[in-house]
Amino acid sequence: MNITTIIEMENREVEQMAGAKMVFVEEHIMDDVVETCVNGFHSEESGQIETEDAMQVVFEKLKDEGVVPKNVKDFSYELPSCGRIKTQDDNSEIPQKVIISYVA
């Protein structure tokens, strides 16, 4: 039997642990549909950071804090999902959750 644990974090929590800000991009699919996706992270000290590298840092910090058991080696993550409907007032609403999961 596998038990899967899911950790839901706010973008700001992930950015704080990664030591970098998420970089979002928008792609206009049609007039009324815009995809918003994470295109990596950016740190003042290191510049552009690949998403996989930033999420590995977050995972290791969760292990250091005891949130994730030390013996867990593999994990998966879901960043803010792509796809939202563009509103008339055109507010840029960026998805605010990141999911990390692992099997123990």
N, C-alpha and C. Protein backbone atom coordinates (compact mmCIF):
# COMPACT_ATOMS: atom_id res chain seq x y z
N MET A 1 0.84 -1.18 0.00
CA MET A 1 0.00 0.00 0.00
C MET A 1 0.89 1.24 0.00
N ASN A 2 0.54 2.18 -0.85
CA ASN A 2 1.22 3.48 -0.89
C ASN A 2 0.32 4.53 -0.27
N ILE A 3 0.91 5.40 0.49
CA ILE A 3 0.18 6.53 1.06
C ILE A 3 0.77 7.79 0.45
N THR A 4 -0.07 8.58 -0.20
CA THR A 4 0.39 9.80 -0.84
C THR A 4 0.04 11.00 0.03
N THR A 5 1.02 11.83 0.28
CA THR A 5 0.82 13.05 1.06
C THR A 5 0.86 14.24 0.11
N ILE A 6 -0.08 15.14 0.27
CA ILE A 6 -0.16 16.35 -0.57
C ILE A 6 0.05 17.57 0.31
N ILE A 7 0.93 18.44 -0.12
CA ILE A 7 1.21 19.69 0.58
C ILE A 7 0.81 20.83 -0.35
N GLU A 8 -0.12 21.66 0.10
CA GLU A 8 -0.56 22.80 -0.70
C GLU A 8 0.06 24.06 -0.13
N MET A 9 0.71 24.82 -0.98
CA MET A 9 1.41 26.03 -0.54
C MET A 9 0.98 27.22 -1.38
N GLU A 10 0.99 28.39 -0.76
CA GLU A 10 0.75 29.64 -1.48
C GLU A 10 1.99 29.97 -2.31
N ASN A 11 1.80 30.70 -3.40
CA ASN A 11 2.94 31.12 -4.24
C ASN A 11 4.01 31.81 -3.41
N ARG A 12 3.58 32.71 -2.53
CA ARG A 12 4.55 33.48 -1.73
C ARG A 12 5.38 32.57 -0.83
N GLU A 13 4.79 31.47 -0.33
CA GLU A 13 5.53 30.53 0.51
C GLU A 13 6.59 29.81 -0.32
N VAL A 14 6.22 29.42 -1.53
CA VAL A 14 7.16 28.75 -2.43
C VAL A 14 8.29 29.70 -2.79
N GLU A 15 7.94 30.94 -3.13
CA GLU A 15 8.96 31.92 -3.49
C GLU A 15 9.92 32.18 -2.34
N GLN A 16 9.39 32.25 -1.11
CA GLN A 16 10.24 32.48 0.06
C GLN A 16 11.21 31.33 0.26
N MET A 17 10.71 30.10 0.15
CA MET A 17 11.58 28.93 0.33
C MET A 17 12.60 28.79 -0.80
N ALA A 18 12.18 29.12 -2.02
CA ALA A 18 13.07 29.00 -3.18
C ALA A 18 14.07 30.14 -3.24
N GLY A 19 13.76 31.24 -2.55
CA GLY A 19 14.64 32.41 -2.59
C GLY A 19 14.58 33.11 -3.94
N ALA A 20 13.42 32.97 -4.63
CA ALA A 20 13.28 33.55 -5.95
C ALA A 20 11.79 33.79 -6.24
N LYS A 21 11.51 34.71 -7.13
CA LYS A 21 10.14 35.03 -7.54
C LYS A 21 9.75 34.19 -8.75
N MET A 22 8.47 33.78 -8.79
CA MET A 22 7.95 33.07 -9.96
C MET A 22 7.85 34.04 -11.13
N VAL A 23 8.19 33.54 -12.31
CA VAL A 23 8.06 34.33 -13.53
C VAL A 23 6.87 33.76 -14.31
N PHE A 24 5.84 34.58 -14.51
CA PHE A 24 4.65 34.15 -15.22
C PHE A 24 4.67 34.67 -16.65
N VAL A 25 4.13 33.88 -17.56
CA VAL A 25 3.95 34.31 -18.94
C VAL A 25 2.50 34.08 -19.31
N GLU A 26 2.02 34.88 -20.24
CA GLU A 26 0.65 34.74 -20.73
C GLU A 26 0.70 34.49 -22.24
N GLU A 27 -0.13 33.57 -22.68
CA GLU A 27 -0.26 33.29 -24.10
C GLU A 27 -1.72 33.47 -24.48
N HIS A 28 -1.97 34.33 -25.44
CA HIS A 28 -3.35 34.57 -25.89
C HIS A 28 -3.73 33.47 -26.87
N ILE A 29 -4.66 32.62 -26.46
CA ILE A 29 -5.12 31.50 -27.28
C ILE A 29 -6.17 31.98 -28.26
N MET A 30 -7.16 32.68 -27.75
CA MET A 30 -8.21 33.31 -28.56
C MET A 30 -8.47 34.67 -27.93
N ASP A 31 -9.40 35.41 -28.49
CA ASP A 31 -9.68 36.74 -27.94
C ASP A 31 -10.08 36.71 -26.47
N ASP A 32 -10.80 35.67 -26.06
CA ASP A 32 -11.31 35.63 -24.70
C ASP A 32 -10.65 34.57 -23.83
N VAL A 33 -9.57 33.95 -24.29
CA VAL A 33 -8.89 32.93 -23.49
C VAL A 33 -7.39 33.24 -23.43
N VAL A 34 -6.88 33.29 -22.21
CA VAL A 34 -5.46 33.55 -21.97
C VAL A 34 -4.92 32.44 -21.08
N GLU A 35 -3.79 31.87 -21.44
CA GLU A 35 -3.13 30.88 -20.58
C GLU A 35 -2.07 31.60 -19.76
N THR A 36 -2.06 31.35 -18.45
CA THR A 36 -1.05 31.91 -17.56
C THR A 36 -0.27 30.75 -16.96
N CYS A 37 1.03 30.73 -17.18
CA CYS A 37 1.87 29.62 -16.72
C CYS A 37 3.14 30.15 -16.07
N VAL A 38 3.72 29.33 -15.21
CA VAL A 38 5.01 29.65 -14.61
C VAL A 38 6.09 29.31 -15.63
N ASN A 39 6.97 30.27 -15.88
CA ASN A 39 8.06 30.08 -16.84
C ASN A 39 9.41 30.11 -16.12
N GLY A 40 9.46 29.55 -14.91
CA GLY A 40 10.69 29.52 -14.14
C GLY A 40 10.63 30.49 -12.97
N PHE A 41 11.78 30.71 -12.38
CA PHE A 41 11.92 31.59 -11.23
C PHE A 41 13.04 32.58 -11.51
N HIS A 42 13.02 33.70 -10.81
CA HIS A 42 14.09 34.69 -10.97
C HIS A 42 14.56 35.13 -9.60
N SER A 43 15.88 35.07 -9.42
CA SER A 43 16.52 35.50 -8.18
C SER A 43 17.42 36.68 -8.49
N GLU A 44 17.45 37.65 -7.59
CA GLU A 44 18.33 38.81 -7.76
C GLU A 44 19.80 38.39 -7.81
N GLU A 45 20.16 37.37 -7.00
CA GLU A 45 21.55 36.93 -6.93
C GLU A 45 21.92 36.02 -8.10
N SER A 46 21.04 35.07 -8.45
CA SER A 46 21.37 34.04 -9.42
C SER A 46 20.78 34.26 -10.80
N GLY A 47 19.86 35.17 -10.94
CA GLY A 47 19.20 35.36 -12.22
C GLY A 47 18.12 34.31 -12.43
N GLN A 48 18.00 33.84 -13.66
CA GLN A 48 16.97 32.86 -14.01
C GLN A 48 17.28 31.49 -13.39
N ILE A 49 16.26 30.87 -12.77
CA ILE A 49 16.39 29.54 -12.17
C ILE A 49 15.34 28.64 -12.80
N GLU A 50 15.76 27.46 -13.23
CA GLU A 50 14.82 26.50 -13.81
C GLU A 50 13.80 26.08 -12.75
N THR A 51 12.58 25.84 -13.18
CA THR A 51 11.50 25.45 -12.28
C THR A 51 11.87 24.21 -11.47
N GLU A 52 12.44 23.20 -12.14
CA GLU A 52 12.80 21.95 -11.45
C GLU A 52 13.81 22.20 -10.34
N ASP A 53 14.78 23.07 -10.59
CA ASP A 53 15.79 23.38 -9.58
C ASP A 53 15.18 24.11 -8.39
N ALA A 54 14.30 25.07 -8.65
CA ALA A 54 13.65 25.81 -7.57
C ALA A 54 12.77 24.90 -6.73
N MET A 55 12.04 24.01 -7.38
CA MET A 55 11.15 23.11 -6.64
C MET A 55 11.96 22.09 -5.84
N GLN A 56 13.13 21.70 -6.31
CA GLN A 56 14.00 20.81 -5.55
C GLN A 56 14.47 21.51 -4.27
N VAL A 57 14.80 22.79 -4.37
CA VAL A 57 15.20 23.58 -3.19
C VAL A 57 14.05 23.62 -2.18
N VAL A 58 12.82 23.86 -2.67
CA VAL A 58 11.66 23.91 -1.79
C VAL A 58 11.46 22.56 -1.10
N PHE A 59 11.57 21.47 -1.87
CA PHE A 59 11.40 20.13 -1.31
C PHE A 59 12.44 19.84 -0.23
N GLU A 60 13.68 20.20 -0.48
CA GLU A 60 14.75 19.98 0.51
C GLU A 60 14.51 20.80 1.78
N LYS A 61 14.00 22.01 1.63
CA LYS A 61 13.70 22.84 2.81
C LYS A 61 12.55 22.23 3.61
N LEU A 62 11.56 21.67 2.92
CA LEU A 62 10.46 21.00 3.62
C LEU A 62 10.99 19.79 4.40
N LYS A 63 11.97 19.10 3.84
CA LYS A 63 12.59 17.97 4.56
C LYS A 63 13.37 18.49 5.77
N ASP A 64 14.12 19.57 5.60
CA ASP A 64 14.90 20.14 6.70
C ASP A 64 14.00 20.59 7.85
N GLU A 65 12.81 21.10 7.50
CA GLU A 65 11.86 21.57 8.52
C GLU A 65 11.05 20.43 9.13
N GLY A 66 11.21 19.21 8.63
CA GLY A 66 10.49 18.07 9.17
C GLY A 66 9.08 17.89 8.63
N VAL A 67 8.70 18.69 7.66
CA VAL A 67 7.37 18.56 7.04
C VAL A 67 7.32 17.28 6.21
N VAL A 68 8.42 17.00 5.52
CA VAL A 68 8.56 15.78 4.71
C VAL A 68 9.61 14.91 5.40
N PRO A 69 9.34 13.60 5.56
CA PRO A 69 10.32 12.72 6.19
C PRO A 69 11.65 12.70 5.42
N LYS A 70 12.75 12.60 6.14
CA LYS A 70 14.08 12.63 5.54
C LYS A 70 14.31 11.50 4.53
N ASN A 71 13.64 10.36 4.71
CA ASN A 71 13.89 9.22 3.83
C ASN A 71 13.18 9.32 2.48
N VAL A 72 12.32 10.31 2.28
CA VAL A 72 11.61 10.48 1.01
C VAL A 72 12.57 11.09 -0.01
N LYS A 73 12.67 10.44 -1.16
CA LYS A 73 13.60 10.91 -2.19
C LYS A 73 12.89 11.50 -3.41
N ASP A 74 11.74 10.95 -3.77
CA ASP A 74 11.04 11.38 -4.97
C ASP A 74 9.79 12.18 -4.61
N PHE A 75 9.49 13.15 -5.45
CA PHE A 75 8.30 13.97 -5.25
C PHE A 75 7.81 14.46 -6.60
N SER A 76 6.61 14.97 -6.61
CA SER A 76 6.09 15.61 -7.81
C SER A 76 5.50 16.95 -7.40
N TYR A 77 5.28 17.81 -8.37
CA TYR A 77 4.70 19.11 -8.06
C TYR A 77 3.80 19.57 -9.19
N GLU A 78 2.86 20.42 -8.84
CA GLU A 78 1.99 21.09 -9.80
C GLU A 78 2.04 22.57 -9.49
N LEU A 79 2.49 23.33 -10.46
CA LEU A 79 2.50 24.78 -10.30
C LEU A 79 1.14 25.32 -10.73
N PRO A 80 0.91 26.61 -10.51
CA PRO A 80 -0.38 27.16 -10.91
C PRO A 80 -0.74 26.72 -12.33
N SER A 81 -1.93 26.19 -12.46
CA SER A 81 -2.35 25.61 -13.73
C SER A 81 -2.56 26.67 -14.79
N CYS A 82 -2.35 26.25 -16.00
CA CYS A 82 -2.60 27.14 -17.13
C CYS A 82 -4.09 27.17 -17.43
N GLY A 83 -4.53 28.25 -18.00
CA GLY A 83 -5.90 28.32 -18.47
C GLY A 83 -6.80 29.12 -17.55
N ARG A 84 -7.22 30.24 -17.99
CA ARG A 84 -8.21 31.03 -17.28
C ARG A 84 -8.97 31.83 -18.33
N ILE A 85 -10.14 32.25 -18.00
CA ILE A 85 -10.92 33.06 -18.91
C ILE A 85 -10.60 34.52 -18.68
N LYS A 86 -10.32 35.24 -19.73
CA LYS A 86 -10.02 36.66 -19.64
C LYS A 86 -11.31 37.41 -19.34
N THR A 87 -11.26 38.27 -18.35
CA THR A 87 -12.46 39.02 -17.97
C THR A 87 -12.50 40.34 -18.71
N GLN A 88 -13.65 40.97 -18.70
CA GLN A 88 -13.83 42.24 -19.39
C GLN A 88 -12.93 43.32 -18.81
N ASP A 89 -12.75 43.31 -17.48
CA ASP A 89 -11.92 44.36 -16.88
C ASP A 89 -10.43 44.03 -16.98
N ASP A 90 -10.09 42.86 -17.53
CA ASP A 90 -8.71 42.47 -17.83
C ASP A 90 -7.79 42.51 -16.62
N ASN A 91 -8.30 42.15 -15.44
CA ASN A 91 -7.43 42.02 -14.27
C ASN A 91 -6.56 40.79 -14.45
N SER A 92 -5.28 40.93 -14.26
CA SER A 92 -4.38 39.79 -14.38
C SER A 92 -4.44 38.98 -13.09
N GLU A 93 -5.28 37.98 -13.08
CA GLU A 93 -5.44 37.14 -11.90
C GLU A 93 -4.53 35.93 -12.05
N ILE A 94 -3.49 35.87 -11.24
CA ILE A 94 -2.51 34.79 -11.31
C ILE A 94 -2.91 33.71 -10.33
N PRO A 95 -2.92 32.45 -10.76
CA PRO A 95 -3.22 31.35 -9.83
C PRO A 95 -2.28 31.40 -8.63
N GLN A 96 -2.78 31.02 -7.44
CA GLN A 96 -2.03 31.23 -6.21
C GLN A 96 -1.64 29.98 -5.43
N LYS A 97 -1.76 28.79 -6.00
CA LYS A 97 -1.44 27.57 -5.24
C LYS A 97 -0.39 26.73 -5.95
N VAL A 98 0.44 26.07 -5.17
CA VAL A 98 1.41 25.09 -5.65
C VAL A 98 1.19 23.83 -4.83
N ILE A 99 1.19 22.69 -5.49
CA ILE A 99 0.97 21.40 -4.83
C ILE A 99 2.26 20.59 -4.94
N ILE A 100 2.73 20.06 -3.82
CA ILE A 100 3.85 19.12 -3.78
C ILE A 100 3.30 17.83 -3.20
N SER A 101 3.61 16.71 -3.82
CA SER A 101 3.14 15.42 -3.29
C SER A 101 4.28 14.41 -3.29
N TYR A 102 4.18 13.44 -2.38
CA TYR A 102 5.17 12.38 -2.31
C TYR A 102 4.49 11.12 -1.77
N VAL A 103 5.09 9.98 -2.06
CA VAL A 103 4.58 8.70 -1.59
C VAL A 103 5.53 8.18 -0.52
N ALA A 104 4.98 7.80 0.62
CA ALA A 104 5.82 7.28 1.72
C ALA A 104 5.50 5.81 1.95
